[in-house]
């Protein structure tokens, strides 16, 4: 063991680092005061490295494949500001040390760590000294100090040990570099986590494993247990998502998000990006991602958990989100309280949270779009502080919302009511028609502007030129898996007679199914389809 950074050593390092962060995350969380004192940096770093380690263990046996998997796993699993930055450390090491397959010499290792430091700093919109970036810079600069040694401690192991020691020295300096750290009597939490990761690497390369990984304690400047005062202008929400987008759209995305908030970090490349930002308007941050490409795995976290609004009334309620006038009327007729959003946009998170709080003390939330689901979860988290009992039913389409509302019973126990709505929504397959706005590659081939796209469960299933023809194909495909009730919701720009023609088609080819038709007046989709 030791002195060799091959595939087995990379796996061993990632697993050891994840385990070490798991043991120290509580201590690191307690140091977290910058950029917001939300006490989750250690947890976020642990989850990030755990995702990277699991990806490395599943990778091919060669060292290049393991490095690639490690970096990709960190990118996909990155959590929080420091986790996204740490993913760049893995990426930098992977891009330099992965090609060639041989274990690096100390010089190459130093170059890789220096490259990682550059990538990490470039990913942050407004780098701040006294953070994980400063600790990483110091680690990369220190590698040369241990690369050669008269006492036999040089080589790759010596370089790794020197990097870890340089990081520890820089970590102690962070308290004096950043006012909020000095006032709180702590070192930087992200930098502390990075030190644990580098200590684990040194342990693997030297074959010397410490009994515990040290995390500096508070210096005792503030009273025990006291959290620093939050800045008045601190944004209210942390927004994170993965983004499928062409690389050329990312500079504009960075500018848009930079105007919206702070703590902006965007990392990735080759069409896949991880986005992190703190904002007051979470919906606007998601909309910026929609303009650039396809955001997914969206997470919205409310950062001001100590503020507790109070629920003004008691009772059971259902809150549903929609952009369409007809759907809003339909949902209200089924007993839901409706939160309106602009077409193609998410509702403001604060508006959704306030609507939940005002609705009652037992509230089921129906988001009805994948992009709204994360906002609904964050709004629910905020509203729970007021004492409201809340469940978010993960409806991904308006037809699922109708299915859920159809079985809603306010006389049942809340838990049983939520289970019934969730089951009804989950048993409803959904599809829709959309007219392509531009040329794009889909799962069934290239589409051109003006083509009619038939989507099932969010994926393009067919491309055609005629709305009615594509609609019939969508219905036939969806009904091939069975179904008893077909729901058709016509959009604002649906051609006259479309729904009637589809009813005739079903009467001829599927007389066993029941058909209901509504006028949803949704702008974007000429037709929504549900199969129960």
Protein backbone atom coordinates (compact mmCIF):
# COMPACT_ATOMS: atom_id res chain seq x y z
CA UNK A 1 0.00 0.00 0.00
CA UNK A 2 0.97 3.67 -0.13
CA UNK A 3 2.75 5.76 -2.77
CA UNK A 4 0.43 4.50 -5.54
CA UNK A 5 -2.74 6.30 -6.65
CA UNK A 6 -4.24 3.55 -8.79
CA UNK A 7 -7.92 2.65 -9.23
CA UNK A 8 -8.05 0.74 -5.94
CA UNK A 9 -6.41 3.64 -4.08
CA UNK A 10 -8.83 6.20 -5.55
CA UNK A 11 -11.77 4.06 -4.46
CA UNK A 12 -10.25 3.56 -1.01
CA UNK A 13 -9.65 7.31 -0.65
CA UNK A 14 -13.20 8.26 -1.67
CA UNK A 15 -14.74 5.75 0.72
CA UNK A 16 -12.42 6.77 3.57
CA UNK A 17 -13.17 10.48 2.95
CA UNK A 18 -16.92 9.80 2.95
CA UNK A 19 -16.66 7.82 6.19
CA UNK A 20 -14.49 10.51 7.82
CA UNK A 21 -16.92 13.26 6.83
CA UNK A 22 -19.77 11.14 8.15
CA UNK A 23 -18.06 11.01 11.55
CA UNK A 24 -17.14 14.71 11.60
CA UNK A 25 -20.12 16.30 9.86
CA UNK A 26 -21.75 17.39 13.13
CA UNK A 27 -18.62 19.26 14.17
CA UNK A 28 -18.30 20.84 10.72
CA UNK A 29 -22.00 21.79 10.71
CA UNK A 30 -21.44 23.68 13.99
CA UNK A 31 -18.78 25.84 12.30
CA UNK A 32 -21.11 26.88 9.45
CA UNK A 33 -21.69 30.66 9.62
CA UNK A 34 -20.80 31.71 6.05
CA UNK A 35 -22.38 32.51 3.64
CA UNK A 36 -25.44 31.78 5.80
CA UNK A 37 -25.50 30.14 9.25
CA UNK A 38 -27.69 27.21 8.22
CA UNK A 39 -25.55 24.55 9.90
CA UNK A 40 -25.40 22.05 7.04
CA UNK A 41 -21.94 22.30 5.44
CA UNK A 42 -20.63 19.09 7.00
CA UNK A 43 -23.75 17.19 5.99
CA UNK A 44 -23.61 18.55 2.44
CA UNK A 45 -19.94 17.63 2.03
CA UNK A 46 -20.57 14.15 3.40
CA UNK A 47 -23.44 13.55 0.95
CA UNK A 48 -21.37 14.92 -1.94
CA UNK A 49 -18.38 12.66 -1.26
CA UNK A 50 -20.65 9.70 -0.55
CA UNK A 51 -22.21 10.10 -4.01
CA UNK A 52 -18.75 10.32 -5.55
CA UNK A 53 -17.52 7.24 -3.67
CA UNK A 54 -20.51 5.16 -4.67
CA UNK A 55 -20.03 6.13 -8.32
CA UNK A 56 -16.32 5.22 -8.14
CA UNK A 57 -17.12 1.80 -6.70
CA UNK A 58 -19.48 1.05 -9.60
CA UNK A 59 -16.97 2.17 -12.24
CA UNK A 60 -14.77 0.12 -14.56
CA UNK A 61 -11.57 -1.27 -13.11
CA UNK A 62 -9.14 1.02 -14.95
CA UNK A 63 -7.95 4.14 -13.15
CA UNK A 64 -9.19 6.55 -15.82
CA UNK A 65 -12.71 5.14 -15.54
CA UNK A 66 -12.67 5.39 -11.76
CA UNK A 67 -11.50 9.01 -11.83
CA UNK A 68 -14.22 9.90 -14.38
CA UNK A 69 -16.87 8.20 -12.27
CA UNK A 70 -15.65 9.93 -9.13
CA UNK A 71 -15.90 13.36 -10.75
CA UNK A 72 -19.28 12.64 -12.37
CA UNK A 73 -20.68 11.23 -9.15
CA UNK A 74 -19.61 14.36 -7.27
CA UNK A 75 -21.15 16.61 -9.95
CA UNK A 76 -24.49 14.81 -9.88
CA UNK A 77 -24.56 14.41 -6.10
CA UNK A 78 -23.15 17.78 -5.03
CA UNK A 79 -25.04 19.40 -2.17
CA UNK A 80 -24.73 22.98 -1.00
CA UNK A 81 -22.21 25.65 -1.87
CA UNK A 82 -19.17 23.76 -0.53
CA UNK A 83 -20.28 20.47 -2.08
CA UNK A 84 -20.45 22.02 -5.54
CA UNK A 85 -16.98 23.54 -5.07
CA UNK A 86 -15.60 20.20 -3.83
CA UNK A 87 -16.96 18.53 -6.97
CA UNK A 88 -14.55 20.76 -8.90
CA UNK A 89 -11.65 19.40 -6.84
CA UNK A 90 -12.54 15.89 -7.96
CA UNK A 91 -12.99 17.08 -11.53
CA UNK A 92 -9.61 18.81 -11.59
CA UNK A 93 -7.81 15.77 -10.21
CA UNK A 94 -9.66 13.48 -12.62
CA UNK A 95 -8.85 15.52 -15.72
CA UNK A 96 -5.13 15.63 -14.94
CA UNK A 97 -4.53 12.28 -13.22
CA UNK A 98 -7.02 10.10 -15.10
CA UNK A 99 -5.52 10.07 -18.62
CA UNK A 100 -2.64 7.68 -19.11
CA UNK A 101 -3.60 5.31 -16.33
CA UNK A 102 -0.33 5.45 -14.44
CA UNK A 103 0.02 6.53 -10.83
CA UNK A 104 1.16 10.18 -10.80
CA UNK A 105 4.50 11.45 -9.63
CA UNK A 106 4.58 14.28 -7.04
CA UNK A 107 4.92 16.99 -9.69
CA UNK A 108 1.93 15.73 -11.61
CA UNK A 109 -0.07 15.50 -8.41
CA UNK A 110 0.80 19.11 -7.59
CA UNK A 111 -0.24 20.23 -11.06
CA UNK A 112 -3.56 18.41 -10.66
CA UNK A 113 -4.28 20.04 -7.32
CA UNK A 114 -3.35 23.46 -8.72
CA UNK A 115 -5.68 22.90 -11.68
CA UNK A 116 -8.46 21.86 -9.29
CA UNK A 117 -7.97 25.09 -7.33
CA UNK A 118 -8.29 27.13 -10.55
CA UNK A 119 -11.46 25.28 -11.58
CA UNK A 120 -13.01 25.78 -8.15
CA UNK A 121 -12.23 29.49 -8.05
CA UNK A 122 -13.52 30.03 -11.60
CA UNK A 123 -16.80 28.31 -10.72
CA UNK A 124 -17.64 30.87 -8.02
CA UNK A 125 -19.17 34.11 -9.27
CA UNK A 126 -17.60 36.23 -6.52
CA UNK A 127 -14.74 34.38 -4.76
CA UNK A 128 -14.17 35.30 -1.10
CA UNK A 129 -10.94 34.76 0.83
CA UNK A 130 -11.08 32.90 4.10
CA UNK A 131 -13.17 30.11 2.58
CA UNK A 132 -12.61 26.66 1.12
CA UNK A 133 -11.05 28.39 -1.91
CA UNK A 134 -8.21 29.84 0.21
CA UNK A 135 -7.62 26.47 1.87
CA UNK A 136 -7.50 24.74 -1.52
CA UNK A 137 -5.04 27.31 -2.91
CA UNK A 138 -2.74 26.74 0.07
CA UNK A 139 -2.92 22.96 -0.32
CA UNK A 140 -1.92 23.12 -3.98
CA UNK A 141 0.96 25.50 -3.21
CA UNK A 142 2.28 23.23 -0.45
CA UNK A 143 2.64 20.03 -2.49
CA UNK A 144 6.17 20.89 -3.59
CA UNK A 145 7.31 21.19 0.03
CA UNK A 146 6.86 17.47 0.59
CA UNK A 147 7.67 16.10 -2.84
CA UNK A 148 11.35 15.62 -1.96
CA UNK A 149 12.60 14.88 1.51
CA UNK A 150 15.88 13.69 3.01
CA UNK A 151 14.03 11.72 5.68
CA UNK A 152 12.40 9.42 3.18
CA UNK A 153 9.02 11.06 3.45
CA UNK A 154 9.09 12.55 -0.06
CA UNK A 155 7.49 11.30 -3.23
CA UNK A 156 3.75 11.18 -3.85
CA UNK A 157 2.99 10.37 -0.23
CA UNK A 158 5.08 13.31 0.93
CA UNK A 159 3.32 15.63 -1.52
CA UNK A 160 -0.08 14.51 -0.27
CA UNK A 161 1.00 14.90 3.36
CA UNK A 162 2.32 18.40 2.61
CA UNK A 163 -0.92 19.37 0.86
CA UNK A 164 -2.93 18.25 3.88
CA UNK A 165 -0.62 20.13 6.26
CA UNK A 166 -0.74 23.27 4.10
CA UNK A 167 -4.52 23.08 4.09
CA UNK A 168 -4.60 22.81 7.89
CA UNK A 169 -2.39 25.88 8.26
CA UNK A 170 -4.56 27.85 5.84
CA UNK A 171 -7.68 26.72 7.67
CA UNK A 172 -6.43 28.30 10.90
CA UNK A 173 -5.86 31.57 9.03
CA UNK A 174 -9.44 31.74 7.76
CA UNK A 175 -10.71 33.11 11.09
CA UNK A 176 -8.69 36.29 10.58
CA UNK A 177 -9.51 36.54 6.86
CA UNK A 178 -13.29 36.77 7.15
CA UNK A 179 -15.05 39.05 9.62
CA UNK A 180 -18.04 36.78 10.19
CA UNK A 181 -15.68 33.93 11.15
CA UNK A 182 -13.75 36.18 13.55
CA UNK A 183 -16.97 37.40 15.20
CA UNK A 184 -18.16 33.83 15.64
CA UNK A 185 -14.82 32.40 16.74
CA UNK A 186 -14.69 29.68 14.09
CA UNK A 187 -12.71 28.56 11.08
CA UNK A 188 -14.40 28.14 7.72
CA UNK A 189 -16.65 25.07 7.65
CA UNK A 190 -16.05 24.26 3.99
CA UNK A 191 -12.31 24.53 4.46
CA UNK A 192 -12.53 22.21 7.47
CA UNK A 193 -14.32 19.63 5.33
CA UNK A 194 -11.68 19.91 2.62
CA UNK A 195 -8.99 19.27 5.24
CA UNK A 196 -10.73 16.02 6.19
CA UNK A 197 -10.78 14.95 2.53
CA UNK A 198 -7.07 15.74 2.07
CA UNK A 199 -6.19 14.02 5.36
CA UNK A 200 -7.93 10.90 4.05
CA UNK A 201 -5.89 11.06 0.83
CA UNK A 202 -2.65 11.38 2.78
CA UNK A 203 -3.68 8.42 4.92
CA UNK A 204 -4.24 6.21 1.88
CA UNK A 205 -0.92 7.18 0.26
CA UNK A 206 1.15 6.88 3.46
CA UNK A 207 -0.75 3.87 4.79
CA UNK A 208 -1.02 5.69 8.11
CA UNK A 209 -4.59 6.00 9.32
CA UNK A 210 -5.46 8.36 12.20
CA UNK A 211 -7.84 7.20 14.89
CA UNK A 212 -9.93 10.34 14.34
CA UNK A 213 -9.92 13.27 11.96
CA UNK A 214 -9.51 16.60 13.70
CA UNK A 215 -12.01 19.42 13.22
CA UNK A 216 -11.01 22.70 14.93
CA UNK A 217 -13.37 23.69 17.73
CA UNK A 218 -14.75 27.18 18.29
CA UNK A 219 -12.28 29.56 19.88
CA UNK A 220 -14.80 30.65 22.48
CA UNK A 221 -15.25 34.21 21.23
CA UNK A 222 -19.09 34.09 21.21
CA UNK A 223 -21.08 32.67 24.13
CA UNK A 224 -21.63 28.94 23.95
CA UNK A 225 -24.39 27.97 21.54
CA UNK A 226 -24.87 31.48 20.19
CA UNK A 227 -25.41 31.75 16.46
CA UNK A 228 -24.23 34.87 14.63
CA UNK A 229 -26.78 37.47 13.67
CA UNK A 230 -28.08 37.04 10.15
CA UNK A 231 -27.45 39.89 7.76
CA UNK A 232 -30.63 41.77 6.99
CA UNK A 233 -30.14 41.44 3.23
CA UNK A 234 -29.44 37.69 3.26
CA UNK A 235 -31.48 35.89 0.57
CA UNK A 236 -34.24 33.59 1.73
CA UNK A 237 -33.74 30.46 -0.38
CA UNK A 238 -31.04 28.11 -1.59
CA UNK A 239 -31.81 26.83 -5.09
CA UNK A 240 -29.92 23.92 -6.64
CA UNK A 241 -30.55 21.95 -9.80
CA UNK A 242 -28.86 19.90 -12.45
CA UNK A 243 -29.15 21.50 -15.87
CA UNK A 244 -29.04 19.94 -19.31
CA UNK A 245 -28.00 22.91 -21.46
CA UNK A 246 -25.63 23.79 -24.30
CA UNK A 247 -22.38 25.21 -22.97
CA UNK A 248 -22.89 28.47 -24.85
CA UNK A 249 -26.02 29.29 -22.81
CA UNK A 250 -24.24 29.14 -19.46
CA UNK A 251 -22.61 32.62 -19.49
CA UNK A 252 -26.04 34.25 -19.85
CA UNK A 253 -27.39 31.97 -17.11
CA UNK A 254 -24.60 33.07 -14.78
CA UNK A 255 -25.42 36.73 -15.44
CA UNK A 256 -29.14 36.15 -14.83
CA UNK A 257 -28.55 34.32 -11.56
CA UNK A 258 -25.90 36.77 -10.40
CA UNK A 259 -28.47 39.56 -10.67
CA UNK A 260 -30.96 37.53 -8.65
CA UNK A 261 -28.83 36.63 -5.63
CA UNK A 262 -25.46 35.55 -4.28
CA UNK A 263 -23.37 32.47 -3.41
CA UNK A 264 -23.57 31.59 -7.11
CA UNK A 265 -21.63 28.50 -8.20
CA UNK A 266 -22.10 26.89 -11.62
CA UNK A 267 -19.99 23.85 -12.49
CA UNK A 268 -19.94 21.20 -15.20
CA UNK A 269 -19.56 21.11 -18.95
CA UNK A 270 -20.38 19.10 -22.09
CA UNK A 271 -24.07 19.83 -21.67
CA UNK A 272 -24.49 18.92 -17.98
CA UNK A 273 -24.24 21.53 -15.21
CA UNK A 274 -24.80 21.78 -11.48
CA UNK A 275 -26.24 25.13 -10.39
CA UNK A 276 -26.27 26.60 -6.87
CA UNK A 277 -27.48 30.05 -5.83
CA UNK A 278 -29.04 31.88 -2.85
CA UNK A 279 -31.99 34.07 -3.88
CA UNK A 280 -35.14 35.72 -2.61
CA UNK A 281 -37.16 34.61 -5.64
CA UNK A 282 -36.66 30.85 -6.06
CA UNK A 283 -39.09 30.74 -8.97
CA UNK A 284 -37.04 33.26 -10.95
CA UNK A 285 -33.88 31.17 -10.41
CA UNK A 286 -35.63 28.10 -11.81
CA UNK A 287 -37.04 30.11 -14.71
CA UNK A 288 -33.49 31.22 -15.58
CA UNK A 289 -32.57 27.55 -15.82
CA UNK A 290 -35.57 26.89 -18.06
CA UNK A 291 -34.41 29.61 -20.44
CA UNK A 292 -30.97 28.00 -20.64
CA UNK A 293 -32.05 24.37 -20.91
CA UNK A 294 -33.75 21.65 -18.88
CA UNK A 295 -33.38 21.88 -15.10
CA UNK A 296 -34.03 18.71 -13.12
CA UNK A 297 -33.45 17.32 -9.62
CA UNK A 298 -34.47 20.77 -8.38
CA UNK A 299 -33.99 21.44 -4.65
CA UNK A 300 -35.21 24.59 -2.91
CA UNK A 301 -34.31 25.09 0.76
CA UNK A 302 -35.70 27.84 2.97
CA UNK A 303 -32.76 29.49 4.74
CA UNK A 304 -34.64 31.42 7.42
CA UNK A 305 -35.99 28.52 9.45
CA UNK A 306 -36.09 30.57 12.64
CA UNK A 307 -38.92 32.76 11.33
CA UNK A 308 -42.28 31.20 12.25
CA UNK A 309 -45.43 32.64 10.64
CA UNK A 310 -48.67 31.53 12.30
CA UNK A 311 -51.55 29.77 10.58
CA UNK A 312 -54.61 32.09 10.71
CA UNK A 313 -57.32 29.42 10.50
CA UNK A 314 -58.11 25.77 11.13
CA UNK A 315 -59.52 23.10 8.85
CA UNK A 316 -58.61 20.81 5.94
CA UNK A 317 -57.72 22.30 2.54
CA UNK A 318 -56.16 21.43 -0.80
CA UNK A 319 -53.94 23.95 -2.60
CA UNK A 320 -53.42 23.43 -6.35
CA UNK A 321 -51.11 25.33 -8.72
CA UNK A 322 -51.97 26.18 -12.33
CA UNK A 323 -51.35 28.77 -15.04
CA UNK A 324 -54.60 28.24 -16.96
CA UNK A 325 -57.94 30.00 -16.40
CA UNK A 326 -60.04 26.97 -17.28
CA UNK A 327 -58.02 24.63 -15.10
CA UNK A 328 -58.21 27.10 -12.22
CA UNK A 329 -62.01 27.15 -12.48
CA UNK A 330 -62.05 23.35 -12.70
CA UNK A 331 -59.84 22.87 -9.64
CA UNK A 332 -61.90 25.38 -7.64
CA UNK A 333 -65.10 23.56 -8.58
CA UNK A 334 -63.52 20.43 -7.10
CA UNK A 335 -62.87 22.22 -3.81
CA UNK A 336 -59.25 23.31 -4.20
CA UNK A 337 -57.74 26.68 -3.42
CA UNK A 338 -55.77 27.77 -6.49
CA UNK A 339 -52.39 29.49 -6.66
CA UNK A 340 -51.91 31.05 -10.08
CA UNK A 341 -48.60 31.16 -11.91
CA UNK A 342 -47.62 32.79 -15.18
CA UNK A 343 -47.50 30.44 -18.22
CA UNK A 344 -44.06 28.81 -18.40
CA UNK A 345 -43.09 30.13 -14.95
CA UNK A 346 -43.16 28.89 -11.37
CA UNK A 347 -45.16 30.75 -8.72
CA UNK A 348 -43.18 32.90 -6.26
CA UNK A 349 -42.26 30.67 -3.35
CA UNK A 350 -43.40 33.19 -0.75
CA UNK A 351 -46.82 33.43 -2.43
CA UNK A 352 -47.21 29.65 -2.38
CA UNK A 353 -46.09 29.41 1.25
CA UNK A 354 -48.51 32.16 2.30
CA UNK A 355 -51.35 30.43 0.46
CA UNK A 356 -50.62 27.18 2.29
CA UNK A 357 -50.54 28.92 5.67
CA UNK A 358 -53.78 30.78 4.95
CA UNK A 359 -55.61 27.66 3.75
CA UNK A 360 -55.91 25.83 7.08
CA UNK A 361 -54.04 23.71 9.59
CA UNK A 362 -54.15 20.52 7.44
CA UNK A 363 -53.17 21.19 3.84
CA UNK A 364 -52.45 18.96 0.85
CA UNK A 365 -50.48 20.67 -1.93
CA UNK A 366 -50.80 19.65 -5.59
CA UNK A 367 -47.95 21.23 -7.64
CA UNK A 368 -48.98 19.72 -11.03
CA UNK A 369 -45.64 20.38 -12.77
CA UNK A 370 -42.22 18.77 -12.16
CA UNK A 371 -40.64 22.23 -11.98
CA UNK A 372 -43.09 23.33 -9.27
CA UNK A 373 -42.63 20.23 -7.09
CA UNK A 374 -39.38 21.41 -5.47
CA UNK A 375 -40.90 24.83 -4.82
CA UNK A 376 -43.90 23.19 -3.21
CA UNK A 377 -41.64 21.14 -0.93
CA UNK A 378 -39.75 24.27 0.13
CA UNK A 379 -42.97 26.23 0.67
CA UNK A 380 -44.31 23.36 2.77
CA UNK A 381 -41.12 23.30 4.84
CA UNK A 382 -41.51 27.00 5.54
CA UNK A 383 -45.22 26.72 6.33
CA UNK A 384 -44.72 23.82 8.75
CA UNK A 385 -42.97 26.24 11.08
CA UNK A 386 -46.38 27.87 11.59
CA UNK A 387 -47.84 24.64 12.93
CA UNK A 388 -49.61 23.65 9.72
CA UNK A 389 -49.74 19.93 8.93
CA UNK A 390 -48.77 19.67 5.26
CA UNK A 391 -48.33 16.97 2.65
CA UNK A 392 -47.13 17.57 -0.89
CA UNK A 393 -48.81 15.12 -3.26
CA UNK A 394 -46.29 14.71 -6.13
CA UNK A 395 -48.66 15.46 -9.02
CA UNK A 396 -46.70 16.05 -12.21
CA UNK A 397 -49.64 16.98 -14.45
CA UNK A 398 -53.03 18.65 -14.26
CA UNK A 399 -54.85 15.39 -15.04
CA UNK A 400 -53.20 13.84 -11.97
CA UNK A 401 -54.49 16.79 -9.95
CA UNK A 402 -58.04 16.08 -11.12
CA UNK A 403 -57.67 12.42 -10.17
CA UNK A 404 -56.44 13.39 -6.71
CA UNK A 405 -59.24 15.90 -6.17
CA UNK A 406 -61.80 13.30 -7.25
CA UNK A 407 -60.97 11.10 -4.25
CA UNK A 408 -60.31 13.91 -1.74
CA UNK A 409 -62.47 13.48 1.35
CA UNK A 410 -62.13 16.07 4.15
CA UNK A 411 -63.96 13.76 6.56
CA UNK A 412 -61.21 11.15 6.41
CA UNK A 413 -58.12 11.29 8.61
CA UNK A 414 -55.57 13.59 6.97
CA UNK A 415 -53.00 10.81 6.55
CA UNK A 416 -55.55 8.52 4.88
CA UNK A 417 -56.78 11.34 2.63
CA UNK A 418 -53.24 12.09 1.44
CA UNK A 419 -52.59 8.41 0.73
CA UNK A 420 -55.80 8.17 -1.31
CA UNK A 421 -54.94 11.29 -3.35
CA UNK A 422 -51.38 10.09 -3.91
CA UNK A 423 -52.55 6.68 -5.12
CA UNK A 424 -55.13 8.20 -7.46
CA UNK A 425 -52.57 10.60 -8.94
CA UNK A 426 -49.99 7.84 -9.33
CA UNK A 427 -52.49 5.61 -11.12
CA UNK A 428 -53.13 8.31 -13.73
CA UNK A 429 -50.86 8.20 -16.78
CA UNK A 430 -50.50 11.56 -18.49
CA UNK A 431 -49.58 12.94 -21.89
CA UNK A 432 -49.90 16.11 -23.90
CA UNK A 433 -49.43 17.71 -27.30
CA UNK A 434 -46.99 20.52 -27.91
CA UNK A 435 -45.96 22.44 -31.03
CA UNK A 436 -42.17 22.64 -31.47
CA UNK A 437 -40.82 26.19 -31.30
CA UNK A 438 -37.47 25.32 -32.88
CA UNK A 439 -35.27 22.56 -34.19
CA UNK A 440 -34.32 20.05 -31.51
CA UNK A 441 -33.19 16.46 -31.09
CA UNK A 442 -35.74 14.32 -29.26
CA UNK A 443 -35.81 10.70 -28.13
CA UNK A 444 -37.58 9.77 -31.40
CA UNK A 445 -35.56 11.94 -33.77
CA UNK A 446 -35.11 15.49 -34.97
CA UNK A 447 -38.07 17.88 -34.84
CA UNK A 448 -38.48 21.08 -36.82
CA UNK A 449 -40.31 24.32 -35.92
CA UNK A 450 -44.05 23.78 -36.23
CA UNK A 451 -43.93 20.00 -35.77
CA UNK A 452 -46.51 18.51 -33.44
CA UNK A 453 -44.92 16.59 -30.57
CA UNK A 454 -46.79 13.88 -28.70
CA UNK A 455 -45.39 13.47 -25.19
CA UNK A 456 -46.15 10.65 -22.75
CA UNK A 457 -45.04 10.98 -19.13
CA UNK A 458 -42.81 13.90 -20.17
CA UNK A 459 -40.96 12.12 -22.98
CA UNK A 460 -41.49 12.73 -26.72
CA UNK A 461 -43.13 9.59 -28.11
CA UNK A 462 -44.03 10.70 -31.63
CA UNK A 463 -43.59 13.60 -34.07
CA UNK A 464 -46.15 14.56 -36.72
CA UNK A 465 -47.64 17.36 -38.75
CA UNK A 466 -51.32 17.17 -37.72
CA UNK A 467 -52.62 17.75 -34.19
CA UNK A 468 -55.52 15.32 -34.46
CA UNK A 469 -53.37 12.56 -35.95
CA UNK A 470 -50.69 12.86 -33.27
CA UNK A 471 -53.39 13.03 -30.58
CA UNK A 472 -54.89 9.73 -31.83
CA UNK A 473 -51.43 8.12 -31.74
CA UNK A 474 -50.87 9.34 -28.18
CA UNK A 475 -54.25 7.96 -27.06
CA UNK A 476 -53.70 4.59 -28.74
CA UNK A 477 -50.21 4.26 -27.26
CA UNK A 478 -51.35 5.19 -23.77
CA UNK A 479 -54.42 2.91 -23.88
CA UNK A 480 -52.33 -0.06 -25.04
CA UNK A 481 -51.41 -0.47 -21.37
CA UNK A 482 -55.05 -0.51 -20.31
CA UNK A 483 -57.39 2.13 -18.94
CA UNK A 484 -61.01 2.80 -18.01
CA UNK A 485 -61.31 6.60 -17.96
CA UNK A 486 -59.86 9.02 -20.53
CA UNK A 487 -59.64 12.71 -19.63
CA UNK A 488 -59.14 15.24 -22.45
CA UNK A 489 -58.41 18.88 -21.60
CA UNK A 490 -58.45 21.25 -24.57
CA UNK A 491 -56.04 24.18 -24.65
CA UNK A 492 -56.63 27.79 -25.59
CA UNK A 493 -55.28 27.24 -29.11
CA UNK A 494 -56.73 23.81 -29.78
CA UNK A 495 -58.50 23.68 -33.16
CA UNK A 496 -62.28 23.54 -33.05
CA UNK A 497 -63.58 20.01 -33.07
CA UNK A 498 -60.34 18.37 -31.85
CA UNK A 499 -61.87 16.92 -28.68
CA UNK A 500 -65.03 15.79 -30.53
CA UNK A 501 -62.94 14.02 -33.18
CA UNK A 502 -60.98 12.20 -30.48
CA UNK A 503 -64.22 11.18 -28.75
CA UNK A 504 -65.41 9.69 -32.07
CA UNK A 505 -62.10 7.84 -32.45
CA UNK A 506 -62.41 6.33 -28.99
CA UNK A 507 -66.06 5.35 -29.47
CA UNK A 508 -65.06 3.47 -32.62
CA UNK A 509 -61.86 1.82 -31.40
CA UNK A 510 -62.26 1.72 -27.59
CA UNK A 511 -65.97 1.70 -26.75
CA UNK A 512 -65.11 0.18 -23.35
CA UNK A 513 -63.57 3.42 -21.99
CA UNK A 514 -65.36 6.42 -20.51
CA UNK A 515 -64.37 9.82 -21.89
CA UNK A 516 -64.64 13.21 -20.17
CA UNK A 517 -63.73 16.50 -21.84
CA UNK A 518 -62.86 19.82 -20.21
CA UNK A 519 -61.92 23.26 -21.50
CA UNK A 520 -58.65 24.01 -19.70
CA UNK A 521 -57.67 27.02 -21.81
CA UNK A 522 -53.97 26.36 -21.13
CA UNK A 523 -51.73 28.44 -23.40
CA UNK A 524 -48.81 26.16 -24.16
CA UNK A 525 -50.40 22.75 -24.74
CA UNK A 526 -53.23 22.25 -27.27
CA UNK A 527 -54.28 19.07 -25.47
CA UNK A 528 -53.72 17.37 -22.13
CA UNK A 529 -54.49 13.65 -21.81
CA UNK A 530 -55.07 11.50 -18.73
CA UNK A 531 -55.65 7.74 -18.54
CA UNK A 532 -56.97 6.17 -15.33
